[in-house]
């Protein structure tokens, strides 16, 4: 029983207790693996020996952590009021007043967040879900990088009598799977793994939530483009033709394809990313105190005088 089947002192036992007290509990013992097979010898109480498949053994050999709900918290989207995010000693908050759709950014600057950008955060925050749990209670937070978290997220939501606060701490990357990180929720010592998709969404900088569309004008409304720099010139529309003036050469008619390529970006000029925002920008840091090139675009607005748009 022990040498062949490994059932005398079986390493894995599962005891089933029934609600009917008159019926005795039953114990399933699982012993050695069958040679060359994905099967294990098993015995129910003192009955005959039989075999079970690998999936049955794995199911019974699960840790209790497996049964913890992976949905860490669930908040109705309409109940979200404020989200405070801190990363790398930088902090900002997103707030939304009741019955309003727009989220406002506060902290390093004040601005309205782009709906599509902030949705990635609110979607993850409303239904925070982990990949798996690794500890019921973490007494040594430094083991998971939670003593000095990589990222902290505090969520304020509507409560029955007063606002409810939930706080998430995200620690260091998981060994052998560095895209995921350890995390835990304040008030619950359990440690779980947070997926890369969730971490990336919550780790966004406040600048990532700004509108990257800088200028959007109808190409047909553009009347003049003046470029200043090492080789200044001006494009002017005269009737149905574009002319180059103010260059080292006398005024000449511009080539249509070249003009189209120059004007096309102004229909929707977008930034790759926002590097700084607000009233306290150090223009010298970005070389914008004395720009090497500046472009002034003059457009016609129906019913109004000509307006200049500059970049």
C-alpha atoms as a PDB file:
ATOM      1  CA  UNK A   1       0.000   0.000   0.000  1.00  0.00           C
ATOM      2  CA  UNK A   2       2.868   2.386   0.704  1.00  0.00           C
ATOM      3  CA  UNK A   3       5.711   1.266  -1.565  1.00  0.00           C
ATOM      4  CA  UNK A   4       3.648   0.866  -4.738  1.00  0.00           C
ATOM      5  CA  UNK A   5       0.677   3.184  -4.221  1.00  0.00           C
ATOM      6  CA  UNK A   6       1.991   5.667  -1.618  1.00  0.00           C
ATOM      7  CA  UNK A   7      -1.338   5.536   0.225  1.00  0.00           C
ATOM      8  CA  UNK A   8      -0.270   4.472   3.703  1.00  0.00           C
ATOM      9  CA  UNK A   9       0.836   8.045   4.400  1.00  0.00           C
ATOM     10  CA  UNK A  10      -0.703   9.806   1.415  1.00  0.00           C
ATOM     11  CA  UNK A  11       0.721  13.333   0.858  1.00  0.00           C
ATOM     12  CA  UNK A  12      -2.656  14.616  -0.325  1.00  0.00           C
ATOM     13  CA  UNK A  13      -5.950  14.039   1.450  1.00  0.00           C
ATOM     14  CA  UNK A  14      -9.354  15.624   0.983  1.00  0.00           C
ATOM     15  CA  UNK A  15     -12.096  15.042   3.555  1.00  0.00           C
ATOM     16  CA  UNK A  16     -15.704  15.753   2.669  1.00  0.00           C
ATOM     17  CA  UNK A  17     -18.079  16.594   5.521  1.00  0.00           C
ATOM     18  CA  UNK A  18     -21.777  16.293   4.722  1.00  0.00           C
ATOM     19  CA  UNK A  19     -24.582  18.463   6.077  1.00  0.00           C
ATOM     20  CA  UNK A  20     -26.426  15.319   7.088  1.00  0.00           C
ATOM     21  CA  UNK A  21     -24.830  14.499  10.444  1.00  0.00           C
ATOM     22  CA  UNK A  22     -26.010  10.892  10.171  1.00  0.00           C
ATOM     23  CA  UNK A  23     -23.754  10.328   7.197  1.00  0.00           C
ATOM     24  CA  UNK A  24     -20.051   9.966   8.016  1.00  0.00           C
ATOM     25  CA  UNK A  25     -17.314  12.099   6.476  1.00  0.00           C
ATOM     26  CA  UNK A  26     -15.369  10.567   3.625  1.00  0.00           C
ATOM     27  CA  UNK A  27     -11.656  10.952   2.951  1.00  0.00           C
ATOM     28  CA  UNK A  28     -10.016  10.664  -0.447  1.00  0.00           C
ATOM     29  CA  UNK A  29      -6.301   9.904  -0.314  1.00  0.00           C
ATOM     30  CA  UNK A  30      -4.037  10.437  -3.340  1.00  0.00           C
ATOM     31  CA  UNK A  31      -0.610   8.811  -3.399  1.00  0.00           C
ATOM     32  CA  UNK A  32       2.063   8.015  -5.987  1.00  0.00           C
ATOM     33  CA  UNK A  33       1.948   8.725  -9.678  1.00  0.00           C
ATOM     34  CA  UNK A  34       1.378   5.744 -11.909  1.00  0.00           C
ATOM     35  CA  UNK A  35       4.561   4.941 -13.834  1.00  0.00           C
ATOM     36  CA  UNK A  36       4.628   6.612 -17.234  1.00  0.00           C
ATOM     37  CA  UNK A  37       1.091   7.977 -16.887  1.00  0.00           C
ATOM     38  CA  UNK A  38      -0.563  11.278 -15.960  1.00  0.00           C
ATOM     39  CA  UNK A  39      -2.506   9.363 -13.350  1.00  0.00           C
ATOM     40  CA  UNK A  40      -2.231   9.014  -9.569  1.00  0.00           C
ATOM     41  CA  UNK A  41      -3.241   6.165  -7.292  1.00  0.00           C
ATOM     42  CA  UNK A  42      -6.127   7.006  -4.973  1.00  0.00           C
ATOM     43  CA  UNK A  43      -8.328   5.430  -2.339  1.00  0.00           C
ATOM     44  CA  UNK A  44     -11.615   6.454  -0.750  1.00  0.00           C
ATOM     45  CA  UNK A  45     -11.513   5.640   2.980  1.00  0.00           C
ATOM     46  CA  UNK A  46     -10.469   1.972   3.192  1.00  0.00           C
ATOM     47  CA  UNK A  47     -11.927   0.947  -0.126  1.00  0.00           C
ATOM     48  CA  UNK A  48     -10.237  -0.340  -3.226  1.00  0.00           C
ATOM     49  CA  UNK A  49      -7.369   1.426  -4.985  1.00  0.00           C
ATOM     50  CA  UNK A  50      -8.106   3.271  -8.211  1.00  0.00           C
ATOM     51  CA  UNK A  51      -6.493   6.033 -10.289  1.00  0.00           C
ATOM     52  CA  UNK A  52      -7.440   9.691 -10.853  1.00  0.00           C
ATOM     53  CA  UNK A  53      -6.397  11.997 -13.662  1.00  0.00           C
ATOM     54  CA  UNK A  54      -3.906  14.854 -13.342  1.00  0.00           C
ATOM     55  CA  UNK A  55      -6.609  17.551 -13.384  1.00  0.00           C
ATOM     56  CA  UNK A  56      -8.381  15.954 -10.405  1.00  0.00           C
ATOM     57  CA  UNK A  57      -5.179  15.886  -8.383  1.00  0.00           C
ATOM     58  CA  UNK A  58      -4.351  19.508  -9.290  1.00  0.00           C
ATOM     59  CA  UNK A  59      -7.849  20.589  -8.352  1.00  0.00           C
ATOM     60  CA  UNK A  60      -7.568  19.060  -4.892  1.00  0.00           C
ATOM     61  CA  UNK A  61      -3.993  20.302  -4.425  1.00  0.00           C
ATOM     62  CA  UNK A  62      -4.945  23.965  -4.808  1.00  0.00           C
ATOM     63  CA  UNK A  63      -3.921  26.476  -2.161  1.00  0.00           C
ATOM     64  CA  UNK A  64      -6.608  28.337  -0.245  1.00  0.00           C
ATOM     65  CA  UNK A  65      -5.419  31.514  -2.007  1.00  0.00           C
ATOM     66  CA  UNK A  66      -6.998  30.151  -5.186  1.00  0.00           C
ATOM     67  CA  UNK A  67     -10.444  30.682  -3.724  1.00  0.00           C
ATOM     68  CA  UNK A  68     -10.053  34.372  -2.995  1.00  0.00           C
ATOM     69  CA  UNK A  69     -12.170  36.508  -5.376  1.00  0.00           C
ATOM     70  CA  UNK A  70      -9.948  38.075  -8.036  1.00  0.00           C
ATOM     71  CA  UNK A  71     -12.280  41.075  -8.242  1.00  0.00           C
ATOM     72  CA  UNK A  72     -10.673  43.104  -5.470  1.00  0.00           C
ATOM     73  CA  UNK A  73     -13.417  45.729  -5.404  1.00  0.00           C
ATOM     74  CA  UNK A  74     -16.330  46.831  -7.522  1.00  0.00           C
ATOM     75  CA  UNK A  75     -17.591  50.419  -7.737  1.00  0.00           C
ATOM     76  CA  UNK A  76     -20.390  51.660  -9.963  1.00  0.00           C
ATOM     77  CA  UNK A  77     -18.951  54.037 -12.567  1.00  0.00           C
ATOM     78  CA  UNK A  78     -21.486  56.752 -11.700  1.00  0.00           C
ATOM     79  CA  UNK A  79     -20.424  56.584  -8.044  1.00  0.00           C
ATOM     80  CA  UNK A  80     -16.796  57.531  -8.754  1.00  0.00           C
ATOM     81  CA  UNK A  81     -16.076  61.031  -7.447  1.00  0.00           C
ATOM     82  CA  UNK A  82     -12.316  61.383  -7.181  1.00  0.00           C
ATOM     83  CA  UNK A  83      -9.196  59.428  -8.118  1.00  0.00           C
ATOM     84  CA  UNK A  84      -5.858  60.403  -6.552  1.00  0.00           C
ATOM     85  CA  UNK A  85      -2.726  58.999  -8.150  1.00  0.00           C
ATOM     86  CA  UNK A  86       0.839  59.242  -6.815  1.00  0.00           C
ATOM     87  CA  UNK A  87       3.894  57.928  -8.669  1.00  0.00           C
ATOM     88  CA  UNK A  88       7.581  58.858  -8.405  1.00  0.00           C
ATOM     89  CA  UNK A  89       6.867  61.611  -5.853  1.00  0.00           C
ATOM     90  CA  UNK A  90       4.444  63.199  -8.333  1.00  0.00           C
ATOM     91  CA  UNK A  91       0.759  63.364  -7.500  1.00  0.00           C
ATOM     92  CA  UNK A  92      -2.415  64.562  -9.172  1.00  0.00           C
ATOM     93  CA  UNK A  93      -6.130  64.019  -8.812  1.00  0.00           C
ATOM     94  CA  UNK A  94      -9.098  63.546 -11.081  1.00  0.00           C
ATOM     95  CA  UNK A  95     -12.427  64.879  -9.840  1.00  0.00           C
ATOM     96  CA  UNK A  96     -15.903  64.864 -11.262  1.00  0.00           C
ATOM     97  CA  UNK A  97     -18.960  66.632  -9.926  1.00  0.00           C
ATOM     98  CA  UNK A  98     -22.257  64.794  -9.691  1.00  0.00           C
ATOM     99  CA  UNK A  99     -24.147  64.541 -12.994  1.00  0.00           C
ATOM    100  CA  UNK A 100     -21.124  65.851 -14.928  1.00  0.00           C
ATOM    101  CA  UNK A 101     -19.283  63.804 -17.542  1.00  0.00           C
ATOM    102  CA  UNK A 102     -15.985  65.689 -17.638  1.00  0.00           C
ATOM    103  CA  UNK A 103     -13.138  64.846 -15.275  1.00  0.00           C
ATOM    104  CA  UNK A 104     -10.962  67.712 -14.045  1.00  0.00           C
ATOM    105  CA  UNK A 105      -7.223  67.383 -13.467  1.00  0.00           C
ATOM    106  CA  UNK A 106      -5.764  69.086 -10.396  1.00  0.00           C
ATOM    107  CA  UNK A 107      -2.301  69.025  -8.853  1.00  0.00           C
ATOM    108  CA  UNK A 108       0.576  70.147 -11.053  1.00  0.00           C
ATOM    109  CA  UNK A 109      -1.933  72.114 -13.167  1.00  0.00           C
ATOM    110  CA  UNK A 110      -5.666  72.453 -13.710  1.00  0.00           C
ATOM    111  CA  UNK A 111      -7.292  71.258 -16.924  1.00  0.00           C
ATOM    112  CA  UNK A 112     -10.076  69.107 -18.318  1.00  0.00           C
ATOM    113  CA  UNK A 113      -9.068  65.513 -19.030  1.00  0.00           C
ATOM    114  CA  UNK A 114      -9.812  63.966 -22.417  1.00  0.00           C
ATOM    115  CA  UNK A 115     -12.698  61.531 -22.001  1.00  0.00           C
ATOM    116  CA  UNK A 116     -11.059  58.700 -23.943  1.00  0.00           C
ATOM    117  CA  UNK A 117      -7.810  58.948 -21.968  1.00  0.00           C
ATOM    118  CA  UNK A 118      -9.445  59.007 -18.529  1.00  0.00           C
ATOM    119  CA  UNK A 119     -11.773  56.108 -19.394  1.00  0.00           C
ATOM    120  CA  UNK A 120      -8.818  53.726 -19.340  1.00  0.00           C
ATOM    121  CA  UNK A 121      -8.309  54.674 -15.678  1.00  0.00           C
ATOM    122  CA  UNK A 122     -11.964  54.717 -14.568  1.00  0.00           C
ATOM    123  CA  UNK A 123     -12.670  51.366 -16.231  1.00  0.00           C
ATOM    124  CA  UNK A 124      -9.883  49.655 -14.271  1.00  0.00           C
ATOM    125  CA  UNK A 125     -10.677  51.504 -11.034  1.00  0.00           C
ATOM    126  CA  UNK A 126     -14.387  50.675 -11.121  1.00  0.00           C
ATOM    127  CA  UNK A 127     -13.713  46.926 -11.346  1.00  0.00           C
ATOM    128  CA  UNK A 128     -10.256  46.363  -9.937  1.00  0.00           C
ATOM    129  CA  UNK A 129      -9.211  42.800 -10.697  1.00  0.00           C
ATOM    130  CA  UNK A 130      -6.023  40.911  -9.886  1.00  0.00           C
ATOM    131  CA  UNK A 131      -4.341  38.035 -11.716  1.00  0.00           C
ATOM    132  CA  UNK A 132      -3.833  35.839  -8.630  1.00  0.00           C
ATOM    133  CA  UNK A 133      -3.225  36.056  -4.876  1.00  0.00           C
ATOM    134  CA  UNK A 134       0.204  35.219  -3.459  1.00  0.00           C
ATOM    135  CA  UNK A 135      -0.280  35.781   0.289  1.00  0.00           C
ATOM    136  CA  UNK A 136      -3.200  36.035   2.708  1.00  0.00           C
ATOM    137  CA  UNK A 137      -1.245  38.457   4.875  1.00  0.00           C
ATOM    138  CA  UNK A 138       2.011  40.247   4.113  1.00  0.00           C
ATOM    139  CA  UNK A 139       3.921  40.955   7.300  1.00  0.00           C
ATOM    140  CA  UNK A 140       7.049  41.922   5.357  1.00  0.00           C
ATOM    141  CA  UNK A 141       5.833  44.573   2.908  1.00  0.00           C
ATOM    142  CA  UNK A 142       9.369  45.194   1.637  1.00  0.00           C
ATOM    143  CA  UNK A 143       9.397  41.646   0.212  1.00  0.00           C
ATOM    144  CA  UNK A 144       6.797  42.792  -2.321  1.00  0.00           C
ATOM    145  CA  UNK A 145       7.998  46.398  -2.643  1.00  0.00           C
ATOM    146  CA  UNK A 146       4.893  47.647  -0.835  1.00  0.00           C
ATOM    147  CA  UNK A 147       6.709  49.534   1.918  1.00  0.00           C
ATOM    148  CA  UNK A 148       7.751  52.122  -0.685  1.00  0.00           C
ATOM    149  CA  UNK A 149       5.161  51.589  -3.410  1.00  0.00           C
ATOM    150  CA  UNK A 150       5.819  52.235  -7.063  1.00  0.00           C
ATOM    151  CA  UNK A 151       2.279  53.585  -7.361  1.00  0.00           C
ATOM    152  CA  UNK A 152      -0.560  54.542  -4.997  1.00  0.00           C
ATOM    153  CA  UNK A 153      -4.171  55.047  -6.057  1.00  0.00           C
ATOM    154  CA  UNK A 154      -6.880  56.370  -3.749  1.00  0.00           C
ATOM    155  CA  UNK A 155     -10.473  56.223  -4.952  1.00  0.00           C
ATOM    156  CA  UNK A 156     -13.305  58.260  -3.443  1.00  0.00           C
ATOM    157  CA  UNK A 157     -16.780  57.032  -4.291  1.00  0.00           C
ATOM    158  CA  UNK A 158     -20.314  57.798  -3.246  1.00  0.00           C
ATOM    159  CA  UNK A 159     -21.429  56.113  -0.019  1.00  0.00           C
ATOM    160  CA  UNK A 160     -24.799  55.775   1.694  1.00  0.00           C
ATOM    161  CA  UNK A 161     -24.067  58.534   4.220  1.00  0.00           C
ATOM    162  CA  UNK A 162     -20.584  59.796   3.418  1.00  0.00           C
ATOM    163  CA  UNK A 163     -17.954  59.238   0.685  1.00  0.00           C
ATOM    164  CA  UNK A 164     -16.184  55.898   0.706  1.00  0.00           C
ATOM    165  CA  UNK A 165     -12.396  55.693   0.304  1.00  0.00           C
ATOM    166  CA  UNK A 166     -10.449  52.761  -1.140  1.00  0.00           C
ATOM    167  CA  UNK A 167      -6.653  52.764  -1.456  1.00  0.00           C
ATOM    168  CA  UNK A 168      -4.464  50.571  -3.634  1.00  0.00           C
ATOM    169  CA  UNK A 169      -0.688  50.203  -3.352  1.00  0.00           C
ATOM    170  CA  UNK A 170       1.348  48.749  -6.214  1.00  0.00           C
ATOM    171  CA  UNK A 171       4.796  47.371  -5.458  1.00  0.00           C
ATOM    172  CA  UNK A 172       7.716  45.849  -7.320  1.00  0.00           C
ATOM    173  CA  UNK A 173       7.603  43.669 -10.468  1.00  0.00           C
ATOM    174  CA  UNK A 174       6.874  39.971 -10.088  1.00  0.00           C
ATOM    175  CA  UNK A 175       9.939  37.756 -10.511  1.00  0.00           C
ATOM    176  CA  UNK A 176      10.092  36.102 -13.961  1.00  0.00           C
ATOM    177  CA  UNK A 177       7.095  38.182 -15.034  1.00  0.00           C
ATOM    178  CA  UNK A 178       8.241  41.785 -14.705  1.00  0.00           C
ATOM    179  CA  UNK A 179       5.297  43.247 -16.612  1.00  0.00           C
ATOM    180  CA  UNK A 180       3.052  42.384 -13.655  1.00  0.00           C
ATOM    181  CA  UNK A 181       3.426  43.842 -10.160  1.00  0.00           C
ATOM    182  CA  UNK A 182       2.534  42.963  -6.580  1.00  0.00           C
ATOM    183  CA  UNK A 183      -0.275  44.970  -4.985  1.00  0.00           C
ATOM    184  CA  UNK A 184      -2.554  45.139  -1.970  1.00  0.00           C
ATOM    185  CA  UNK A 185      -5.504  47.151  -0.744  1.00  0.00           C
ATOM    186  CA  UNK A 186      -5.280  49.170   2.449  1.00  0.00           C
ATOM    187  CA  UNK A 187      -7.205  47.468   5.243  1.00  0.00           C
ATOM    188  CA  UNK A 188      -6.631  43.995   3.759  1.00  0.00           C
ATOM    189  CA  UNK A 189      -3.194  42.436   4.206  1.00  0.00           C
ATOM    190  CA  UNK A 190      -3.589  40.062   1.267  1.00  0.00           C
ATOM    191  CA  UNK A 191      -1.092  40.483  -1.575  1.00  0.00           C
ATOM    192  CA  UNK A 192      -2.090  39.847  -5.166  1.00  0.00           C
ATOM    193  CA  UNK A 193      -0.608  40.261  -8.629  1.00  0.00           C
ATOM    194  CA  UNK A 194      -1.832  43.118 -10.777  1.00  0.00           C
ATOM    195  CA  UNK A 195      -1.622  42.689 -14.553  1.00  0.00           C
ATOM    196  CA  UNK A 196       0.415  44.924 -16.843  1.00  0.00           C
ATOM    197  CA  UNK A 197      -2.714  46.340 -18.522  1.00  0.00           C
ATOM    198  CA  UNK A 198      -4.081  47.590 -15.201  1.00  0.00           C
ATOM    199  CA  UNK A 199      -0.719  48.945 -13.989  1.00  0.00           C
ATOM    200  CA  UNK A 200      -0.133  50.803 -17.270  1.00  0.00           C
ATOM    201  CA  UNK A 201      -3.578  52.423 -17.104  1.00  0.00           C
ATOM    202  CA  UNK A 202      -3.207  53.561 -13.483  1.00  0.00           C
ATOM    203  CA  UNK A 203       0.397  54.743 -13.897  1.00  0.00           C
ATOM    204  CA  UNK A 204      -0.504  57.401 -16.468  1.00  0.00           C
ATOM    205  CA  UNK A 205       0.979  60.844 -15.927  1.00  0.00           C
ATOM    206  CA  UNK A 206      -1.379  63.832 -15.712  1.00  0.00           C
ATOM    207  CA  UNK A 207       0.085  65.076 -19.007  1.00  0.00           C
ATOM    208  CA  UNK A 208      -1.086  61.864 -20.702  1.00  0.00           C
ATOM    209  CA  UNK A 209      -4.691  62.884 -20.032  1.00  0.00           C
ATOM    210  CA  UNK A 210      -4.550  66.149 -21.955  1.00  0.00           C
ATOM    211  CA  UNK A 211      -5.942  66.694 -25.440  1.00  0.00           C
ATOM    212  CA  UNK A 212      -3.130  66.193 -27.969  1.00  0.00           C
ATOM    213  CA  UNK A 213      -5.025  67.923 -30.763  1.00  0.00           C
ATOM    214  CA  UNK A 214      -3.367  71.343 -31.029  1.00  0.00           C
ATOM    215  CA  UNK A 215      -4.892  72.941 -34.113  1.00  0.00           C
ATOM    216  CA  UNK A 216      -7.811  71.962 -36.311  1.00  0.00           C
ATOM    217  CA  UNK A 217      -8.754  74.282 -39.168  1.00  0.00           C
ATOM    218  CA  UNK A 218     -10.255  73.853 -42.608  1.00  0.00           C
ATOM    219  CA  UNK A 219      -7.519  73.945 -45.239  1.00  0.00           C
ATOM    220  CA  UNK A 220      -9.832  75.991 -47.460  1.00  0.00           C
ATOM    221  CA  UNK A 221     -10.000  78.709 -44.786  1.00  0.00           C
ATOM    222  CA  UNK A 222      -6.211  79.235 -44.694  1.00  0.00           C
ATOM    223  CA  UNK A 223      -5.230  82.497 -46.415  1.00  0.00           C
ATOM    224  CA  UNK A 224      -1.628  83.011 -45.423  1.00  0.00           C
ATOM    225  CA  UNK A 225       1.226  81.131 -43.767  1.00  0.00           C
ATOM    226  CA  UNK A 226       4.261  83.046 -42.542  1.00  0.00           C
ATOM    227  CA  UNK A 227       7.385  81.133 -41.555  1.00  0.00           C
ATOM    228  CA  UNK A 228      10.142  82.886 -39.595  1.00  0.00           C
ATOM    229  CA  UNK A 229      13.557  81.385 -39.050  1.00  0.00           C
ATOM    230  CA  UNK A 230      16.852  80.907 -40.854  1.00  0.00           C
ATOM    231  CA  UNK A 231      15.019  80.830 -44.206  1.00  0.00           C
ATOM    232  CA  UNK A 232      11.882  82.980 -43.786  1.00  0.00           C
ATOM    233  CA  UNK A 233       9.096  83.083 -46.370  1.00  0.00           C
ATOM    234  CA  UNK A 234       5.347  83.641 -46.642  1.00  0.00           C
ATOM    235  CA  UNK A 235       2.725  81.684 -48.545  1.00  0.00           C
ATOM    236  CA  UNK A 236      -0.139  83.875 -49.702  1.00  0.00           C
ATOM    237  CA  UNK A 237      -3.306  82.903 -51.499  1.00  0.00           C
ATOM    238  CA  UNK A 238      -4.117  85.169 -54.426  1.00  0.00           C
ATOM    239  CA  UNK A 239      -7.419  84.235 -56.017  1.00  0.00           C
ATOM    240  CA  UNK A 240      -7.018  80.499 -56.730  1.00  0.00           C
ATOM    241  CA  UNK A 241      -3.241  80.473 -56.660  1.00  0.00           C
ATOM    242  CA  UNK A 242      -0.612  80.300 -53.927  1.00  0.00           C
ATOM    243  CA  UNK A 243       2.432  82.542 -54.147  1.00  0.00           C
ATOM    244  CA  UNK A 244       5.683  82.571 -52.200  1.00  0.00           C
ATOM    245  CA  UNK A 245       6.739  86.043 -51.062  1.00  0.00           C
ATOM    246  CA  UNK A 246       9.338  87.364 -48.654  1.00  0.00           C
ATOM    247  CA  UNK A 247      11.959  84.801 -49.645  1.00  0.00           C
ATOM    248  CA  UNK A 248      15.390  85.606 -51.131  1.00  0.00           C
ATOM    249  CA  UNK A 249      13.781  85.153 -54.567  1.00  0.00           C
ATOM    250  CA  UNK A 250      11.224  87.456 -56.190  1.00  0.00           C
ATOM    251  CA  UNK A 251       7.577  86.497 -55.685  1.00  0.00           C
ATOM    252  CA  UNK A 252       6.652  83.294 -57.568  1.00  0.00           C
ATOM    253  CA  UNK A 253       3.707  80.916 -57.926  1.00  0.00           C
ATOM    254  CA  UNK A 254       4.044  77.913 -55.617  1.00  0.00           C
ATOM    255  CA  UNK A 255       3.779  74.306 -56.812  1.00  0.00           C
ATOM    256  CA  UNK A 256       0.342  72.895 -55.890  1.00  0.00           C
ATOM    257  CA  UNK A 257       1.538  69.553 -54.511  1.00  0.00           C
ATOM    258  CA  UNK A 258       4.142  71.196 -52.270  1.00  0.00           C
ATOM    259  CA  UNK A 259       1.551  73.673 -50.944  1.00  0.00           C
ATOM    260  CA  UNK A 260      -0.909  70.838 -50.215  1.00  0.00           C
ATOM    261  CA  UNK A 261       1.718  68.933 -48.237  1.00  0.00           C
ATOM    262  CA  UNK A 262       2.555  72.064 -46.234  1.00  0.00           C
ATOM    263  CA  UNK A 263      -1.076  72.925 -45.424  1.00  0.00           C
ATOM    264  CA  UNK A 264      -2.420  69.420 -44.776  1.00  0.00           C
ATOM    265  CA  UNK A 265      -1.094  69.027 -41.171  1.00  0.00           C
ATOM    266  CA  UNK A 266      -3.053  72.113 -40.092  1.00  0.00           C
ATOM    267  CA  UNK A 267      -6.334  70.266 -40.659  1.00  0.00           C
ATOM    268  CA  UNK A 268      -5.473  68.255 -37.543  1.00  0.00           C
ATOM    269  CA  UNK A 269      -2.166  69.092 -35.941  1.00  0.00           C
ATOM    270  CA  UNK A 270      -1.513  66.679 -33.089  1.00  0.00           C
ATOM    271  CA  UNK A 271       1.267  66.364 -30.533  1.00  0.00           C
ATOM    272  CA  UNK A 272       3.064  63.057 -30.073  1.00  0.00           C
ATOM    273  CA  UNK A 273       3.004  63.749 -26.348  1.00  0.00           C
ATOM    274  CA  UNK A 274       2.619  66.704 -23.992  1.00  0.00           C
ATOM    275  CA  UNK A 275       5.924  67.572 -22.297  1.00  0.00           C
ATOM    276  CA  UNK A 276       4.746  70.428 -20.042  1.00  0.00           C
ATOM    277  CA  UNK A 277       1.542  72.310 -19.321  1.00  0.00           C
ATOM    278  CA  UNK A 278       0.363  75.247 -17.248  1.00  0.00           C
ATOM    279  CA  UNK A 279       1.457  78.753 -16.355  1.00  0.00           C
ATOM    280  CA  UNK A 280       4.808  77.818 -14.824  1.00  0.00           C
ATOM    281  CA  UNK A 281       6.503  76.379 -17.888  1.00  0.00           C
ATOM    282  CA  UNK A 282      10.210  77.108 -18.185  1.00  0.00           C
ATOM    283  CA  UNK A 283      10.277  77.978 -21.905  1.00  0.00           C
ATOM    284  CA  UNK A 284      14.066  78.118 -21.906  1.00  0.00           C
ATOM    285  CA  UNK A 285      14.248  74.468 -20.840  1.00  0.00           C
ATOM    286  CA  UNK A 286      12.587  73.485 -24.118  1.00  0.00           C
ATOM    287  CA  UNK A 287      14.345  76.056 -26.295  1.00  0.00           C
ATOM    288  CA  UNK A 288      11.123  77.972 -26.807  1.00  0.00           C
ATOM    289  CA  UNK A 289      12.185  81.277 -25.260  1.00  0.00           C
ATOM    290  CA  UNK A 290      13.955  82.009 -28.549  1.00  0.00           C
ATOM    291  CA  UNK A 291      12.503  79.543 -31.084  1.00  0.00           C
ATOM    292  CA  UNK A 292      14.523  78.686 -34.172  1.00  0.00           C
ATOM    293  CA  UNK A 293      11.348  78.565 -36.271  1.00  0.00           C
ATOM    294  CA  UNK A 294       7.884  80.062 -35.795  1.00  0.00           C
ATOM    295  CA  UNK A 295       4.892  79.724 -38.082  1.00  0.00           C
ATOM    296  CA  UNK A 296       1.846  82.002 -38.164  1.00  0.00           C
ATOM    297  CA  UNK A 297      -1.271  80.734 -39.947  1.00  0.00           C
ATOM    298  CA  UNK A 298      -3.990  83.227 -40.901  1.00  0.00           C
ATOM    299  CA  UNK A 299      -7.452  81.796 -41.475  1.00  0.00           C
ATOM    300  CA  UNK A 300     -10.715  83.387 -42.499  1.00  0.00           C
ATOM    301  CA  UNK A 301     -13.692  82.945 -40.189  1.00  0.00           C
ATOM    302  CA  UNK A 302     -17.119  83.412 -41.706  1.00  0.00           C
ATOM    303  CA  UNK A 303     -18.818  86.480 -40.281  1.00  0.00           C
ATOM    304  CA  UNK A 304     -15.677  87.623 -38.456  1.00  0.00           C
ATOM    305  CA  UNK A 305     -12.442  89.366 -39.266  1.00  0.00           C
ATOM    306  CA  UNK A 306      -9.379  87.296 -40.081  1.00  0.00           C
ATOM    307  CA  UNK A 307      -7.893  85.477 -37.128  1.00  0.00           C
ATOM    308  CA  UNK A 308      -4.334  84.307 -36.554  1.00  0.00           C
ATOM    309  CA  UNK A 309      -3.473  80.874 -35.237  1.00  0.00           C
ATOM    310  CA  UNK A 310       0.133  80.389 -34.206  1.00  0.00           C
ATOM    311  CA  UNK A 311       2.259  77.372 -33.377  1.00  0.00           C
END
